[in-house]
Protein backbone atom coordinates (compact mmCIF):
# COMPACT_ATOMS: atom_id res chain seq x y z
CA MET A 1 66.85 90.45 66.42
CA LEU A 2 69.27 91.73 63.82
CA GLN A 3 72.85 92.07 65.00
CA SER A 4 74.86 95.07 63.73
CA PRO A 5 77.74 94.24 61.47
CA PRO A 6 81.24 94.41 62.96
CA VAL A 7 82.87 97.91 63.06
CA LYS A 8 85.55 98.04 60.22
CA ALA A 9 87.17 101.20 61.62
CA VAL A 10 86.72 103.99 63.94
CA ILE A 11 87.44 107.14 61.90
CA LEU A 12 86.82 109.86 64.48
CA ASP A 13 86.27 109.71 68.29
CA ALA A 14 86.79 112.06 71.18
CA GLU A 15 90.37 111.16 71.70
CA ASP A 16 90.98 112.39 68.00
CA LEU A 17 89.05 115.70 68.63
CA ALA A 18 91.24 116.43 71.54
CA HIS A 19 94.24 116.49 69.38
CA LEU A 20 92.59 119.09 66.91
CA THR A 21 93.13 122.76 66.82
CA LEU A 22 91.03 124.95 65.08
CA LEU A 23 92.51 128.13 63.58
CA GLY A 24 90.25 130.94 62.43
CA ILE A 25 91.83 133.08 59.58
CA VAL A 26 91.39 136.74 60.64
CA THR A 27 88.83 138.26 60.13
CA ARG A 28 85.68 136.05 59.45
CA GLY A 29 87.32 132.74 59.93
CA VAL A 30 87.66 133.46 63.58
CA PRO A 31 83.86 133.43 64.40
CA LEU A 32 83.40 130.54 62.01
CA ALA A 33 85.99 128.70 63.95
CA GLU A 34 84.43 129.54 67.30
CA ARG A 35 80.92 128.41 66.00
CA LEU A 36 82.36 125.17 64.76
CA ALA A 37 84.18 124.59 68.24
CA ALA A 38 80.93 125.08 69.99
CA THR A 39 78.99 122.90 67.90
CA LEU A 40 81.66 119.95 68.23
CA ALA A 41 81.28 120.80 71.96
CA GLU A 42 77.74 120.43 72.01
CA LEU A 43 77.80 117.17 69.92
CA GLU A 44 80.82 115.44 71.15
CA GLY A 45 81.43 116.97 74.56
CA VAL A 46 85.05 118.16 73.68
CA ARG A 47 85.74 121.65 73.72
CA LEU A 48 88.49 122.55 71.20
CA PRO A 49 90.57 125.66 71.03
CA ALA A 50 89.64 127.94 68.29
CA ILE A 51 92.68 130.31 67.93
CA PRO A 52 92.73 133.51 65.73
CA LEU A 53 95.44 133.52 62.93
CA ASP A 54 96.40 136.86 61.33
CA VAL A 55 98.38 135.86 58.31
CA ARG A 56 99.14 139.30 56.87
CA ALA A 57 102.76 138.99 57.64
CA TYR A 58 103.12 135.76 55.53
CA ARG A 59 101.23 137.28 52.26
CA ASP A 60 103.39 137.44 49.37
CA ASP A 61 100.97 139.74 47.60
CA LEU A 62 101.01 142.56 50.15
CA PRO A 63 103.82 145.04 50.55
CA ARG A 64 106.25 144.07 53.16
CA ALA A 65 106.21 147.56 54.77
CA SER A 66 102.59 147.34 55.48
CA ALA A 67 102.84 143.60 56.83
CA ALA A 68 101.62 143.14 60.28
CA PRO A 69 104.11 141.55 62.80
CA LEU A 70 104.55 137.80 62.67
CA PRO A 71 101.65 136.06 64.60
CA VAL A 72 102.72 134.10 67.55
CA LEU A 73 101.24 130.63 67.63
CA PRO A 74 102.15 128.67 70.69
CA ALA A 75 104.00 125.40 69.41
CA THR A 76 101.62 123.40 71.90
CA ALA A 77 98.72 124.38 69.66
CA VAL A 78 100.47 122.92 66.56
CA ASP A 79 103.23 120.33 67.30
CA GLY A 80 101.81 116.78 66.79
CA ARG A 81 98.31 118.11 66.37
CA SER A 82 95.92 118.05 63.53
CA VAL A 83 95.18 121.70 62.59
CA LEU A 84 92.04 122.83 60.77
CA LEU A 85 92.50 126.33 59.11
CA VAL A 86 88.86 127.98 58.91
CA ASP A 87 88.09 130.83 56.64
CA ASP A 88 85.16 132.34 55.04
CA VAL A 89 85.85 132.53 51.33
CA LEU A 90 88.56 130.82 49.22
CA PHE A 91 89.67 132.55 46.17
CA ASN A 92 93.09 132.45 44.67
CA GLY A 93 94.52 130.43 47.51
CA ARG A 94 97.20 133.03 48.77
CA THR A 95 95.66 133.64 52.24
CA VAL A 96 95.59 129.86 52.84
CA ARG A 97 99.20 129.52 51.62
CA ALA A 98 100.14 132.17 54.15
CA ALA A 99 98.09 130.49 56.87
CA ILE A 100 100.17 127.12 56.06
CA ASP A 101 103.44 129.11 56.40
CA ALA A 102 102.31 130.64 59.67
CA VAL A 103 101.44 127.04 61.06
CA ILE A 104 104.69 125.73 60.06
CA ALA A 105 106.66 128.47 61.47
CA ALA A 106 105.05 127.85 64.75
CA GLY A 107 105.76 124.04 64.84
CA ARG A 108 105.16 120.62 63.04
CA PRO A 109 101.53 119.55 62.86
CA ARG A 110 100.54 116.12 62.36
CA GLN A 111 98.05 117.33 59.66
CA ILE A 112 96.72 120.50 58.11
CA GLN A 113 93.27 120.67 56.64
CA LEU A 114 91.23 123.54 55.40
CA ALA A 115 87.51 124.32 56.14
CA VAL A 116 85.80 127.15 53.98
CA LEU A 117 82.43 128.65 53.97
CA VAL A 118 82.34 129.53 50.56
CA ASP A 119 84.71 128.49 47.56
CA ARG A 120 84.45 130.80 44.63
CA GLY A 121 87.33 129.23 42.44
CA HIS A 122 89.97 131.13 40.47
CA ARG A 123 92.93 129.50 42.39
CA GLU A 124 96.45 130.73 41.73
CA LEU A 125 97.87 127.94 43.85
CA PRO A 126 97.22 124.27 44.15
CA ILE A 127 95.01 124.46 47.12
CA ARG A 128 91.78 122.62 47.69
CA PRO A 129 89.50 122.75 50.78
CA ASP A 130 88.85 119.58 52.67
CA TYR A 131 85.54 121.05 53.95
CA ILE A 132 83.33 123.50 51.91
CA GLY A 133 79.89 124.96 52.82
CA LYS A 134 78.99 126.03 49.36
CA ASN A 135 80.65 126.17 45.98
CA VAL A 136 79.76 129.56 44.28
CA PRO A 137 81.43 129.93 40.92
CA THR A 138 82.12 133.59 40.24
CA SER A 139 83.73 135.71 37.57
CA ARG A 140 86.71 137.84 38.41
CA GLN A 141 84.55 140.88 38.24
CA GLU A 142 82.52 139.61 41.25
CA TRP A 143 83.32 139.15 44.87
CA VAL A 144 81.86 137.36 47.63
CA GLU A 145 80.89 139.37 50.67
CA VAL A 146 80.22 137.34 53.99
CA HIS A 147 78.36 138.98 56.90
CA LEU A 148 78.41 137.02 60.18
CA ARG A 149 76.25 138.26 63.29
CA GLU A 150 79.19 138.27 65.50
CA ARG A 151 81.02 140.92 63.48
CA ASP A 152 78.27 142.53 61.07
CA GLY A 153 75.02 141.82 62.99
CA GLU A 154 73.69 139.27 60.31
CA ASP A 155 74.32 136.08 58.73
CA ALA A 156 74.54 136.60 54.92
CA VAL A 157 76.53 135.75 51.97
CA ARG A 158 76.17 138.04 48.83
CA ILE A 159 77.65 138.28 45.45
CA LEU A 160 78.60 141.70 44.32
CA GLU A 161 79.81 142.98 41.15
CA ARG A 162 82.74 145.52 40.71
CA PRO A 163 81.68 148.61 38.94
CA GLU A 164 83.35 149.12 35.55
CA ARG A 165 85.91 151.80 35.36
């Protein structure tokens, strides 16, 4: 009978998962984070918090007068924990930068990672996702539209072209 080789390292276990917080970036990152939490609960038996994160108040490309109030994240969701930011589409990186600012304003995470359904490129900031559903190179005249059944009644990702002016 063949013996298994010795384990070199355990890179993820239930204890690690218990120290993970999922933050779904409003709007469509929220159902994606909830789906991920449900899948991990099914696979690993650990129910993770999936918390909505509205980052509008931290955006540097929106007028301050129209900004939403600062989100209130409980420090217990962030301090000393690994945080996984979840969003639908990564484009220029400004939403993710705002999300990082919101997380750091709430506390001191052990680690921040990023999971996106679609990475369409065109970064303006040095941000790169750790987990990507699909890379979809686009032109600046195109945009990616994500529909999720929880919000839109269907699961679909479409590329649309902006009409010429």
